[in-house]
């Protein structure tokens, strides 16, 4: 005979229990912020997480662009340098 659970948890609670665990202090801060804004704590947490992840993504994109622009900036600032491999070969041949 099948036994059914006597208590069925909501999908949101199951997700929260399996997804993230906050320290009591951080949970209190989050709940306080949600209460001050008059919003659901899950909505506030989602917005905060989205903001952080979007900022991290933008920072990564900026770093990639800066890395791609570096050779051009070095060329503009210092001019063209001879290939160091050729210079090493020349030194070794002496």
Protein backbone atom coordinates (compact mmCIF):
# COMPACT_ATOMS: atom_id res chain seq x y z
CA UNK A 1 0.00 0.00 0.00
CA UNK A 2 1.28 3.47 -0.92
CA UNK A 3 1.83 5.99 1.79
CA UNK A 4 1.20 9.62 1.06
CA UNK A 5 3.00 12.41 2.82
CA UNK A 6 0.87 14.07 5.44
CA UNK A 7 2.42 17.46 4.76
CA UNK A 8 2.86 18.75 1.24
CA UNK A 9 5.25 21.67 0.86
CA UNK A 10 4.77 24.33 -1.75
CA UNK A 11 7.05 24.21 -4.82
CA UNK A 12 8.50 27.58 -3.80
CA UNK A 13 9.47 26.28 -0.36
CA UNK A 14 10.95 23.14 -1.90
CA UNK A 15 12.96 25.29 -4.31
CA UNK A 16 14.16 27.58 -1.53
CA UNK A 17 15.12 24.65 0.67
CA UNK A 18 17.08 23.08 -2.19
CA UNK A 19 18.46 26.26 -3.73
CA UNK A 20 19.83 28.71 -1.23
CA UNK A 21 20.50 28.89 2.43
CA UNK A 22 20.98 32.25 4.06
CA UNK A 23 22.56 32.93 7.38
CA UNK A 24 20.01 34.08 9.96
CA UNK A 25 21.56 37.54 9.92
CA UNK A 26 21.34 37.87 6.14
CA UNK A 27 17.79 36.53 6.10
CA UNK A 28 16.80 39.10 8.73
CA UNK A 29 18.32 41.91 6.65
CA UNK A 30 16.52 40.68 3.55
CA UNK A 31 13.19 40.36 5.35
CA UNK A 32 13.62 43.85 6.86
CA UNK A 33 14.35 45.33 3.43
CA UNK A 34 11.29 43.60 1.95
CA UNK A 35 9.10 44.85 4.80
CA UNK A 36 10.36 48.43 4.37
CA UNK A 37 9.59 48.25 0.64
CA UNK A 38 6.26 46.55 1.22
CA UNK A 39 7.21 43.74 -1.14
CA UNK A 40 7.43 39.98 -0.98
CA UNK A 41 10.80 38.81 0.33
CA UNK A 42 11.25 36.51 -2.70
CA UNK A 43 10.72 39.40 -5.10
CA UNK A 44 13.26 41.55 -3.25
CA UNK A 45 15.78 38.69 -3.23
CA UNK A 46 15.23 38.07 -6.95
CA UNK A 47 15.72 41.74 -7.79
CA UNK A 48 18.91 41.95 -5.71
CA UNK A 49 20.34 38.81 -7.26
CA UNK A 50 19.44 39.98 -10.78
CA UNK A 51 21.12 43.34 -10.13
CA UNK A 52 24.32 41.70 -8.90
CA UNK A 53 24.45 39.19 -11.77
CA UNK A 54 23.79 41.89 -14.39
CA UNK A 55 26.53 44.10 -12.93
CA UNK A 56 28.95 41.16 -12.92
CA UNK A 57 28.08 40.41 -16.56
CA UNK A 58 28.63 44.06 -17.57
CA UNK A 59 31.97 44.12 -15.75
CA UNK A 60 33.07 40.97 -17.58
CA UNK A 61 32.05 42.46 -20.93
CA UNK A 62 33.97 45.66 -20.13
CA UNK A 63 37.08 43.65 -19.22
CA UNK A 64 36.91 41.73 -22.51
CA UNK A 65 36.57 44.94 -24.52
CA UNK A 66 39.49 46.51 -22.64
CA UNK A 67 41.64 43.41 -23.24
CA UNK A 68 40.78 43.49 -26.95
CA UNK A 69 41.68 47.19 -27.17
CA UNK A 70 45.01 46.84 -25.33
CA UNK A 71 47.20 45.94 -28.34
CA UNK A 72 45.87 48.95 -30.25
CA UNK A 73 46.46 51.26 -27.28
CA UNK A 74 50.00 49.94 -26.80
CA UNK A 75 50.76 50.43 -30.48
CA UNK A 76 49.42 53.98 -30.35
CA UNK A 77 51.36 54.81 -27.16
CA UNK A 78 54.70 53.08 -27.80
CA UNK A 79 54.78 52.48 -31.53
CA UNK A 80 55.64 49.26 -33.26
CA UNK A 81 58.25 46.97 -31.77
CA UNK A 82 60.23 44.44 -33.73
CA UNK A 83 59.26 40.85 -33.11
CA UNK A 84 61.15 39.68 -30.03
CA UNK A 85 61.51 36.15 -31.44
CA UNK A 86 63.54 37.51 -34.35
CA UNK A 87 65.71 39.53 -31.97
CA UNK A 88 66.41 36.45 -29.86
CA UNK A 89 67.41 34.48 -32.96
CA UNK A 90 69.68 37.31 -34.04
CA UNK A 91 71.35 37.44 -30.61
CA UNK A 92 71.87 33.66 -30.55
CA UNK A 93 73.41 33.64 -33.99
CA UNK A 94 76.22 36.00 -32.93
